[in-house]
Amino acid sequence: RPRAIGEALDSVLAQTRPPGKLVVVDDGSTDDTAQRVEEWIAARRPPFPSVLVRQPNQGAAVARNRGAAEAPDCSLLAFLDSDDLWPPDYLQRVEAAMAAAPDAVAACADRVNHDYATGETEPHHYDHYARGRRNATTLIFVEGPPGTSGTVFRRSAFEQAGAFDARWPTGQDYDLMLRVSLLGRWLHLPGAPLTTRNHLEVITGSG
């Protein structure tokens, strides 16, 4: 995803509340994605610590855990997949909501999914996650997880839950969110949705 990753990183740079640290984990890509990230950091010179970590391909769970480990001083963990985009005030809303609810273990924002293969646009609303811990667990079971790119975890809960389970080649977000939901309150972040994008190769040729 050499093109998509730059757009995702631009959405991080555009945040009204800059992140404490940006960690990009390249999980054994075979194209020039890692080079594009290095060029982005050099050209954009973000005003916050930004690093590229390369590792042999081990899957999404290991990559996300590596990213969390590389930012030990960050008490909130916000993940962003390379083909997704945050709205500019996403981290600002995250910080305010989690500060106002110290018992909350996670929070999620609404999202709009764009499928470039079908041309369909589908909104996903998660305001029902604001109702409390038990409902969050039930909702994850019934409806599936709200999506990793639009979910922030309190580090203490992330670590207590055991982080992403590398034994799961897929569905590791579902598994982790269920475990985190048992530890405390789950919040909803009202406001602009993030953007998730599927089948970008249709318009980019390379994703």
C-alpha atoms as a PDB file:
ATOM      1  CA  ARG A   1       0.000   0.000   0.000  1.00  0.00           C
ATOM      2  CA  PRO A   2       2.660   2.542  -0.931  1.00  0.00           C
ATOM      3  CA  ARG A   3       0.098   5.218  -1.855  1.00  0.00           C
ATOM      4  CA  ALA A   4      -2.427   4.501   0.868  1.00  0.00           C
ATOM      5  CA  ILE A   5       0.097   4.634   3.703  1.00  0.00           C
ATOM      6  CA  GLY A   6       1.034   8.225   2.878  1.00  0.00           C
ATOM      7  CA  GLU A   7      -2.596   9.300   2.968  1.00  0.00           C
ATOM      8  CA  ALA A   8      -3.097   7.527   6.300  1.00  0.00           C
ATOM      9  CA  LEU A   9      -0.027   9.246   7.740  1.00  0.00           C
ATOM     10  CA  ASP A  10      -1.220  12.606   6.448  1.00  0.00           C
ATOM     11  CA  SER A  11      -4.403  12.103   8.462  1.00  0.00           C
ATOM     12  CA  VAL A  12      -2.249  11.611  11.570  1.00  0.00           C
ATOM     13  CA  LEU A  13      -0.209  14.718  10.828  1.00  0.00           C
ATOM     14  CA  ALA A  14      -3.423  16.733  10.415  1.00  0.00           C
ATOM     15  CA  GLN A  15      -4.616  15.956  13.956  1.00  0.00           C
ATOM     16  CA  THR A  16      -5.588  18.973  16.048  1.00  0.00           C
ATOM     17  CA  ARG A  17      -4.136  17.095  19.031  1.00  0.00           C
ATOM     18  CA  PRO A  18      -0.822  15.583  17.876  1.00  0.00           C
ATOM     19  CA  PRO A  19       0.017  12.068  19.034  1.00  0.00           C
ATOM     20  CA  GLY A  20       2.628  11.508  21.714  1.00  0.00           C
ATOM     21  CA  LYS A  21       4.446   9.207  19.295  1.00  0.00           C
ATOM     22  CA  LEU A  22       3.863   7.752  15.851  1.00  0.00           C
ATOM     23  CA  VAL A  23       5.051   4.190  15.282  1.00  0.00           C
ATOM     24  CA  VAL A  24       4.733   2.623  11.834  1.00  0.00           C
ATOM     25  CA  VAL A  25       5.313  -1.130  11.821  1.00  0.00           C
ATOM     26  CA  ASP A  26       6.238  -2.630   8.465  1.00  0.00           C
ATOM     27  CA  ASP A  27       5.328  -6.295   8.767  1.00  0.00           C
ATOM     28  CA  GLY A  28       7.553  -7.706   6.055  1.00  0.00           C
ATOM     29  CA  SER A  29       6.136  -5.829   3.066  1.00  0.00           C
ATOM     30  CA  THR A  30       7.588  -6.741  -0.333  1.00  0.00           C
ATOM     31  CA  ASP A  31       6.922  -3.484  -2.206  1.00  0.00           C
ATOM     32  CA  ASP A  32       8.219   0.027  -1.534  1.00  0.00           C
ATOM     33  CA  THR A  33       5.811   0.809   1.317  1.00  0.00           C
ATOM     34  CA  ALA A  34       8.588   1.050   3.922  1.00  0.00           C
ATOM     35  CA  GLN A  35      10.578   3.374   1.662  1.00  0.00           C
ATOM     36  CA  ARG A  36       7.523   5.583   1.233  1.00  0.00           C
ATOM     37  CA  VAL A  37       7.191   5.818   5.019  1.00  0.00           C
ATOM     38  CA  GLU A  38      10.845   6.830   5.398  1.00  0.00           C
ATOM     39  CA  GLU A  39      10.405   9.450   2.689  1.00  0.00           C
ATOM     40  CA  TRP A  40       7.228  10.724   4.357  1.00  0.00           C
ATOM     41  CA  ILE A  41       8.963  11.168   7.718  1.00  0.00           C
ATOM     42  CA  ALA A  42      11.912  12.934   6.076  1.00  0.00           C
ATOM     43  CA  ALA A  43       9.732  15.224   3.962  1.00  0.00           C
ATOM     44  CA  ARG A  44       6.945  16.028   6.424  1.00  0.00           C
ATOM     45  CA  ARG A  45       9.176  16.242   9.516  1.00  0.00           C
ATOM     46  CA  PRO A  46       6.267  15.723  11.939  1.00  0.00           C
ATOM     47  CA  PRO A  47       6.510  17.691  15.213  1.00  0.00           C
ATOM     48  CA  PHE A  48       6.255  14.523  17.299  1.00  0.00           C
ATOM     49  CA  PRO A  49       8.493  11.437  17.570  1.00  0.00           C
ATOM     50  CA  SER A  50       7.969   9.269  14.487  1.00  0.00           C
ATOM     51  CA  VAL A  51       9.658   5.942  13.794  1.00  0.00           C
ATOM     52  CA  LEU A  52       9.499   3.157  11.255  1.00  0.00           C
ATOM     53  CA  VAL A  53       9.986  -0.356  12.633  1.00  0.00           C
ATOM     54  CA  ARG A  54      10.658  -3.199  10.227  1.00  0.00           C
ATOM     55  CA  GLN A  55      10.122  -6.847  11.084  1.00  0.00           C
ATOM     56  CA  PRO A  56       9.704 -10.146   9.213  1.00  0.00           C
ATOM     57  CA  ASN A  57       6.104 -10.888   8.346  1.00  0.00           C
ATOM     58  CA  GLN A  58       4.370 -12.186  11.477  1.00  0.00           C
ATOM     59  CA  GLY A  59       0.805 -10.969  11.086  1.00  0.00           C
ATOM     60  CA  ALA A  60      -1.369  -8.097  12.262  1.00  0.00           C
ATOM     61  CA  ALA A  61      -1.448  -9.112  15.938  1.00  0.00           C
ATOM     62  CA  VAL A  62       2.335  -9.129  16.304  1.00  0.00           C
ATOM     63  CA  ALA A  63       2.675  -5.887  14.329  1.00  0.00           C
ATOM     64  CA  ARG A  64       0.153  -4.051  16.484  1.00  0.00           C
ATOM     65  CA  ASN A  65       1.694  -5.352  19.702  1.00  0.00           C
ATOM     66  CA  ARG A  66       5.101  -4.202  18.447  1.00  0.00           C
ATOM     67  CA  GLY A  67       3.706  -0.742  17.830  1.00  0.00           C
ATOM     68  CA  ALA A  68       2.335  -0.573  21.372  1.00  0.00           C
ATOM     69  CA  ALA A  69       5.656  -1.757  22.806  1.00  0.00           C
ATOM     70  CA  GLU A  70       7.536   0.952  20.909  1.00  0.00           C
ATOM     71  CA  ALA A  71       5.491   3.694  22.621  1.00  0.00           C
ATOM     72  CA  PRO A  72       5.806   2.751  26.322  1.00  0.00           C
ATOM     73  CA  ASP A  73       5.142   6.284  27.598  1.00  0.00           C
ATOM     74  CA  CYS A  74       1.763   6.581  25.861  1.00  0.00           C
ATOM     75  CA  SER A  75      -1.140   5.824  28.207  1.00  0.00           C
ATOM     76  CA  LEU A  76      -3.636   5.630  25.322  1.00  0.00           C
ATOM     77  CA  LEU A  77      -3.138   3.412  22.278  1.00  0.00           C
ATOM     78  CA  ALA A  78      -4.794   4.349  18.985  1.00  0.00           C
ATOM     79  CA  PHE A  79      -4.241   2.038  16.021  1.00  0.00           C
ATOM     80  CA  LEU A  80      -4.610   2.983  12.363  1.00  0.00           C
ATOM     81  CA  ASP A  81      -4.462   0.571   9.434  1.00  0.00           C
ATOM     82  CA  SER A  82      -2.600   1.729   6.350  1.00  0.00           C
ATOM     83  CA  ASP A  83      -5.736   2.098   4.217  1.00  0.00           C
ATOM     84  CA  ASP A  84      -7.799   4.061   6.765  1.00  0.00           C
ATOM     85  CA  LEU A  85      -8.063   7.774   7.603  1.00  0.00           C
ATOM     86  CA  TRP A  86      -8.745   9.631  10.860  1.00  0.00           C
ATOM     87  CA  PRO A  87     -10.801  12.855  10.898  1.00  0.00           C
ATOM     88  CA  PRO A  88      -8.651  15.808  12.083  1.00  0.00           C
ATOM     89  CA  ASP A  89     -10.111  16.001  15.602  1.00  0.00           C
ATOM     90  CA  TYR A  90     -10.050  12.275  16.331  1.00  0.00           C
ATOM     91  CA  LEU A  91      -7.219  12.276  18.902  1.00  0.00           C
ATOM     92  CA  GLN A  92      -8.538  15.449  20.496  1.00  0.00           C
ATOM     93  CA  ARG A  93     -11.892  13.746  21.101  1.00  0.00           C
ATOM     94  CA  VAL A  94     -10.119  10.616  22.325  1.00  0.00           C
ATOM     95  CA  GLU A  95      -8.081  12.511  24.900  1.00  0.00           C
ATOM     96  CA  ALA A  96     -11.052  14.529  26.195  1.00  0.00           C
ATOM     97  CA  ALA A  97     -13.363  11.522  26.494  1.00  0.00           C
ATOM     98  CA  MET A  98     -10.856   9.287  28.261  1.00  0.00           C
ATOM     99  CA  ALA A  99      -9.793  12.062  30.632  1.00  0.00           C
ATOM    100  CA  ALA A 100     -13.408  12.678  31.594  1.00  0.00           C
ATOM    101  CA  ALA A 101     -13.997   8.968  32.278  1.00  0.00           C
ATOM    102  CA  PRO A 102     -10.984   7.513  34.123  1.00  0.00           C
ATOM    103  CA  ASP A 103     -12.834   4.222  34.580  1.00  0.00           C
ATOM    104  CA  ALA A 104     -13.216   3.744  30.813  1.00  0.00           C
ATOM    105  CA  VAL A 105     -11.025   1.096  29.231  1.00  0.00           C
ATOM    106  CA  ALA A 106     -11.740   1.857  25.570  1.00  0.00           C
ATOM    107  CA  ALA A 107     -13.645   4.143  23.228  1.00  0.00           C
ATOM    108  CA  CYS A 108     -14.763   3.912  19.621  1.00  0.00           C
ATOM    109  CA  ALA A 109     -15.772   6.369  16.915  1.00  0.00           C
ATOM    110  CA  ASP A 110     -18.240   6.004  14.070  1.00  0.00           C
ATOM    111  CA  ARG A 111     -16.882   5.097  10.650  1.00  0.00           C
ATOM    112  CA  VAL A 112     -17.802   5.204   6.994  1.00  0.00           C
ATOM    113  CA  ASN A 113     -16.588   2.359   4.815  1.00  0.00           C
ATOM    114  CA  HIS A 114     -15.855   2.913   1.132  1.00  0.00           C
ATOM    115  CA  ASP A 115     -15.647  -0.182  -1.052  1.00  0.00           C
ATOM    116  CA  TYR A 116     -13.919   0.729  -4.285  1.00  0.00           C
ATOM    117  CA  ALA A 117     -14.728  -2.619  -5.902  1.00  0.00           C
ATOM    118  CA  THR A 118     -18.492  -2.180  -5.570  1.00  0.00           C
ATOM    119  CA  GLY A 119     -18.718   1.594  -5.307  1.00  0.00           C
ATOM    120  CA  GLU A 120     -20.761   1.242  -2.131  1.00  0.00           C
ATOM    121  CA  THR A 121     -20.465   3.535   0.889  1.00  0.00           C
ATOM    122  CA  GLU A 122     -21.687   2.190   4.213  1.00  0.00           C
ATOM    123  CA  PRO A 123     -21.896   4.157   7.494  1.00  0.00           C
ATOM    124  CA  HIS A 124     -21.417   2.396  10.821  1.00  0.00           C
ATOM    125  CA  HIS A 125     -22.686   4.015  14.012  1.00  0.00           C
ATOM    126  CA  TYR A 126     -21.551   2.968  17.488  1.00  0.00           C
ATOM    127  CA  ASP A 127     -23.378   5.361  19.806  1.00  0.00           C
ATOM    128  CA  HIS A 128     -24.946   2.337  21.535  1.00  0.00           C
ATOM    129  CA  TYR A 129     -21.500   1.536  22.965  1.00  0.00           C
ATOM    130  CA  ALA A 130     -21.962   4.452  25.369  1.00  0.00           C
ATOM    131  CA  ARG A 131     -24.408   2.442  27.465  1.00  0.00           C
ATOM    132  CA  GLY A 132     -21.860   0.601  29.614  1.00  0.00           C
ATOM    133  CA  ARG A 133     -19.583  -2.380  30.070  1.00  0.00           C
ATOM    134  CA  ARG A 134     -22.090  -5.227  29.773  1.00  0.00           C
ATOM    135  CA  ASN A 135     -23.733  -3.863  26.662  1.00  0.00           C
ATOM    136  CA  ALA A 136     -20.346  -3.415  25.001  1.00  0.00           C
ATOM    137  CA  THR A 137     -19.518  -7.090  25.536  1.00  0.00           C
ATOM    138  CA  THR A 138     -22.923  -8.139  24.238  1.00  0.00           C
ATOM    139  CA  LEU A 139     -22.700  -5.822  21.240  1.00  0.00           C
ATOM    140  CA  ILE A 140     -19.300  -7.170  20.249  1.00  0.00           C
ATOM    141  CA  PHE A 141     -20.696 -10.709  20.402  1.00  0.00           C
ATOM    142  CA  VAL A 142     -23.843  -9.867  18.440  1.00  0.00           C
ATOM    143  CA  GLU A 143     -22.593  -7.265  15.949  1.00  0.00           C
ATOM    144  CA  GLY A 144     -18.854  -7.810  15.809  1.00  0.00           C
ATOM    145  CA  PRO A 145     -16.134  -5.362  16.911  1.00  0.00           C
ATOM    146  CA  PRO A 146     -16.285  -1.643  16.059  1.00  0.00           C
ATOM    147  CA  GLY A 147     -13.010  -1.731  14.100  1.00  0.00           C
ATOM    148  CA  THR A 148      -9.401  -1.329  15.167  1.00  0.00           C
ATOM    149  CA  SER A 149      -8.711   1.963  13.383  1.00  0.00           C
ATOM    150  CA  GLY A 150     -11.545   3.680  15.228  1.00  0.00           C
ATOM    151  CA  THR A 151     -10.911   2.226  18.676  1.00  0.00           C
ATOM    152  CA  VAL A 152      -8.585   3.549  21.364  1.00  0.00           C
ATOM    153  CA  PHE A 153      -7.482   1.428  24.325  1.00  0.00           C
ATOM    154  CA  ARG A 154      -6.241   2.554  27.683  1.00  0.00           C
ATOM    155  CA  ARG A 155      -2.793   0.994  27.888  1.00  0.00           C
ATOM    156  CA  SER A 156      -3.419  -0.476  31.336  1.00  0.00           C
ATOM    157  CA  ALA A 157      -6.494  -2.348  30.032  1.00  0.00           C
ATOM    158  CA  PHE A 158      -4.707  -3.384  26.828  1.00  0.00           C
ATOM    159  CA  GLU A 159      -1.904  -4.943  28.862  1.00  0.00           C
ATOM    160  CA  GLN A 160      -4.206  -6.471  31.477  1.00  0.00           C
ATOM    161  CA  ALA A 161      -6.210  -8.129  28.700  1.00  0.00           C
ATOM    162  CA  GLY A 162      -3.019  -9.618  27.257  1.00  0.00           C
ATOM    163  CA  ALA A 163      -2.720  -7.506  24.075  1.00  0.00           C
ATOM    164  CA  PHE A 164      -3.483  -8.990  20.640  1.00  0.00           C
ATOM    165  CA  ASP A 165      -3.226 -12.785  20.559  1.00  0.00           C
ATOM    166  CA  ALA A 166      -0.703 -13.738  17.883  1.00  0.00           C
ATOM    167  CA  ARG A 167      -2.216 -17.210  17.628  1.00  0.00           C
ATOM    168  CA  TRP A 168      -5.159 -15.700  15.721  1.00  0.00           C
ATOM    169  CA  PRO A 169      -4.269 -15.076  12.038  1.00  0.00           C
ATOM    170  CA  THR A 170      -7.547 -13.135  11.703  1.00  0.00           C
ATOM    171  CA  GLY A 171     -10.142 -11.904  14.171  1.00  0.00           C
ATOM    172  CA  GLN A 172      -7.544 -10.819  16.714  1.00  0.00           C
ATOM    173  CA  ASP A 173      -9.347  -7.490  17.122  1.00  0.00           C
ATOM    174  CA  TYR A 174     -12.601  -9.295  17.940  1.00  0.00           C
ATOM    175  CA  ASP A 175     -10.818 -11.418  20.539  1.00  0.00           C
ATOM    176  CA  LEU A 176      -9.011  -8.520  22.226  1.00  0.00           C
ATOM    177  CA  MET A 177     -12.041  -6.242  22.322  1.00  0.00           C
ATOM    178  CA  LEU A 178     -14.102  -8.910  24.037  1.00  0.00           C
ATOM    179  CA  ARG A 179     -11.442  -9.304  26.723  1.00  0.00           C
ATOM    180  CA  VAL A 180     -11.032  -5.539  27.173  1.00  0.00           C
ATOM    181  CA  SER A 181     -14.803  -5.018  27.395  1.00  0.00           C
ATOM    182  CA  LEU A 182     -14.881  -7.159  30.545  1.00  0.00           C
ATOM    183  CA  LEU A 183     -12.514  -4.806  32.374  1.00  0.00           C
ATOM    184  CA  GLY A 184     -14.505  -1.569  32.490  1.00  0.00           C
ATOM    185  CA  ARG A 185     -16.614   1.013  30.716  1.00  0.00           C
ATOM    186  CA  TRP A 186     -16.575   1.444  26.928  1.00  0.00           C
ATOM    187  CA  LEU A 187     -17.144   4.924  25.485  1.00  0.00           C
ATOM    188  CA  HIS A 188     -18.480   6.285  22.214  1.00  0.00           C
ATOM    189  CA  LEU A 189     -16.775   9.264  20.531  1.00  0.00           C
ATOM    190  CA  PRO A 190     -19.471  11.371  18.847  1.00  0.00           C
ATOM    191  CA  GLY A 191     -18.485  13.541  15.916  1.00  0.00           C
ATOM    192  CA  ALA A 192     -16.986  13.049  12.477  1.00  0.00           C
ATOM    193  CA  PRO A 193     -16.465   9.389  11.505  1.00  0.00           C
ATOM    194  CA  LEU A 194     -13.185   7.908  10.409  1.00  0.00           C
ATOM    195  CA  THR A 195     -12.870   6.518   6.900  1.00  0.00           C
ATOM    196  CA  THR A 196     -12.137   2.885   6.154  1.00  0.00           C
ATOM    197  CA  ARG A 197     -11.330   1.873   2.592  1.00  0.00           C
ATOM    198  CA  ASN A 198     -11.545  -1.519   0.928  1.00  0.00           C
ATOM    199  CA  HIS A 199     -10.170  -2.677  -2.429  1.00  0.00           C
ATOM    200  CA  LEU A 200      -8.061   0.420  -3.002  1.00  0.00           C
ATOM    201  CA  GLU A 201      -6.128  -1.446  -5.677  1.00  0.00           C
ATOM    202  CA  VAL A 202      -9.068  -0.785  -8.003  1.00  0.00           C
ATOM    203  CA  ILE A 203      -8.122   2.904  -8.227  1.00  0.00           C
ATOM    204  CA  THR A 204      -4.421   2.866  -7.337  1.00  0.00           C
ATOM    205  CA  GLY A 205      -3.179  -0.218  -9.146  1.00  0.00           C
ATOM    206  CA  SER A 206      -1.150  -1.178  -6.080  1.00  0.00           C
ATOM    207  CA  GLY A 207      -3.300  -0.366  -3.054  1.00  0.00           C
END
